[in-house]
Protein backbone atom coordinates (compact mmCIF):
# COMPACT_ATOMS: atom_id res chain seq x y z
CA UNK A 1 -11.58 -39.70 8.63
CA UNK A 2 -12.78 -36.42 7.24
CA UNK A 3 -10.15 -33.70 7.28
CA UNK A 4 -10.65 -31.02 9.91
CA UNK A 5 -12.15 -27.96 8.25
CA UNK A 6 -9.30 -25.61 9.11
CA UNK A 7 -6.75 -28.16 7.86
CA UNK A 8 -8.67 -28.47 4.60
CA UNK A 9 -8.73 -24.69 4.16
CA UNK A 10 -5.03 -24.49 5.03
CA UNK A 11 -4.28 -27.06 2.31
CA UNK A 12 -6.39 -25.09 -0.16
CA UNK A 13 -4.56 -21.86 0.77
CA UNK A 14 -1.18 -23.53 0.15
CA UNK A 15 -2.42 -24.66 -3.27
CA UNK A 16 -3.77 -21.20 -4.07
CA UNK A 17 -0.54 -19.53 -2.96
CA UNK A 18 1.58 -21.82 -5.16
CA UNK A 19 -0.73 -21.27 -8.12
CA UNK A 20 -0.88 -17.48 -7.68
CA UNK A 21 2.91 -17.23 -7.26
CA UNK A 22 3.28 -19.01 -10.61
CA UNK A 23 0.72 -16.76 -12.33
CA UNK A 24 1.76 -13.48 -10.66
CA UNK A 25 5.42 -13.93 -9.65
CA UNK A 26 6.10 -10.19 -9.38
CA UNK A 27 2.95 -9.49 -7.33
CA UNK A 28 2.28 -12.25 -4.77
CA UNK A 29 4.46 -12.54 -1.67
CA UNK A 30 2.32 -14.63 0.71
CA UNK A 31 -1.19 -15.39 1.95
CA UNK A 32 -2.48 -15.54 5.50
CA UNK A 33 -5.95 -16.60 6.57
CA UNK A 34 -8.18 -17.23 9.52
CA UNK A 35 -11.47 -19.03 9.91
CA UNK A 36 -14.30 -17.53 11.92
CA UNK A 37 -17.68 -15.87 11.82
CA UNK A 38 -18.43 -12.61 10.05
CA UNK A 39 -20.54 -9.67 11.26
CA UNK A 40 -23.73 -11.63 10.43
CA UNK A 41 -22.46 -14.61 12.47
CA UNK A 42 -22.02 -16.65 9.28
CA UNK A 43 -19.02 -18.93 8.85
CA UNK A 44 -16.29 -17.21 6.85
CA UNK A 45 -12.69 -17.36 5.73
CA UNK A 46 -10.70 -14.14 6.13
CA UNK A 47 -7.82 -14.05 3.66
CA UNK A 48 -5.05 -11.46 3.48
CA UNK A 49 -2.95 -11.47 0.35
CA UNK A 50 0.48 -9.97 0.97
CA UNK A 51 1.66 -8.22 -2.17
CA UNK A 52 5.25 -7.54 -3.13
CA UNK A 53 6.12 -3.87 -3.09
CA UNK A 54 6.39 -2.25 -6.47
CA UNK A 55 9.77 -1.13 -7.71
CA UNK A 56 10.69 2.46 -6.91
CA UNK A 57 10.74 3.22 -10.64
CA UNK A 58 7.08 2.26 -11.01
CA UNK A 59 4.88 5.36 -11.18
CA UNK A 60 2.27 3.94 -8.80
CA UNK A 61 3.11 2.60 -5.33
CA UNK A 62 -0.16 0.75 -4.83
CA UNK A 63 -1.88 -1.84 -6.98
CA UNK A 64 -5.14 -0.95 -8.66
CA UNK A 65 -8.33 -3.00 -8.35
CA UNK A 66 -7.73 -4.16 -11.93
CA UNK A 67 -4.38 -5.62 -10.78
CA UNK A 68 -5.75 -7.58 -7.82
CA UNK A 69 -9.31 -8.47 -8.90
CA UNK A 70 -8.26 -11.70 -10.69
CA UNK A 71 -6.38 -12.75 -7.55
CA UNK A 72 -9.44 -12.15 -5.38
CA UNK A 73 -11.67 -14.02 -7.82
CA UNK A 74 -9.30 -17.02 -7.93
CA UNK A 75 -9.26 -17.22 -4.12
CA UNK A 76 -13.04 -16.92 -3.78
CA UNK A 77 -13.62 -19.52 -6.48
CA UNK A 78 -11.21 -22.03 -4.96
CA UNK A 79 -12.54 -21.60 -1.41
CA UNK A 80 -16.16 -21.88 -2.57
CA UNK A 81 -15.44 -25.18 -4.31
CA UNK A 82 -14.20 -26.79 -1.07
CA UNK A 83 -16.27 -24.77 1.41
CA UNK A 84 -19.49 -23.73 -0.39
CA UNK A 85 -21.18 -22.47 2.79
CA UNK A 86 -18.28 -20.31 3.91
CA UNK A 87 -17.88 -16.81 2.43
CA UNK A 88 -14.38 -15.55 1.61
CA UNK A 89 -13.35 -12.07 2.64
CA UNK A 90 -10.22 -11.15 0.73
CA UNK A 91 -8.01 -8.21 1.64
CA UNK A 92 -4.67 -7.01 0.35
CA UNK A 93 -1.61 -5.60 2.10
CA UNK A 94 1.81 -4.57 0.85
CA UNK A 95 4.75 -6.46 2.35
CA UNK A 96 6.26 -3.15 3.54
CA UNK A 97 3.01 -2.33 5.38
CA UNK A 98 3.08 -5.71 7.09
CA UNK A 99 6.69 -5.20 8.18
CA UNK A 100 5.85 -1.71 9.50
CA UNK A 101 2.79 -3.01 11.37
CA UNK A 102 4.92 -5.69 13.07
CA UNK A 103 7.50 -3.07 13.99
CA UNK A 104 10.41 -5.01 12.49
């Protein structure tokens, strides 16, 4: 039986998360995703990469595009190999922002 699309993407996201945590252990905290249609009604994967907060001693609180671009490219590449007709929208959020948004 073919794997349900969302299950396939979930498996891919777990693989990506494990790989990214190995490559960027001080940056990557977690990944969340959802499957749906974008503003043009095309099938898409919406990925949020949760980044670890930088140490207080670091001069910059937020990551630069240079810091996160390879992460975004790795995610897009991996998703496009298993879901070539589904575009990946990749966003980034600091863990502290996620905690604040949840009110915990």
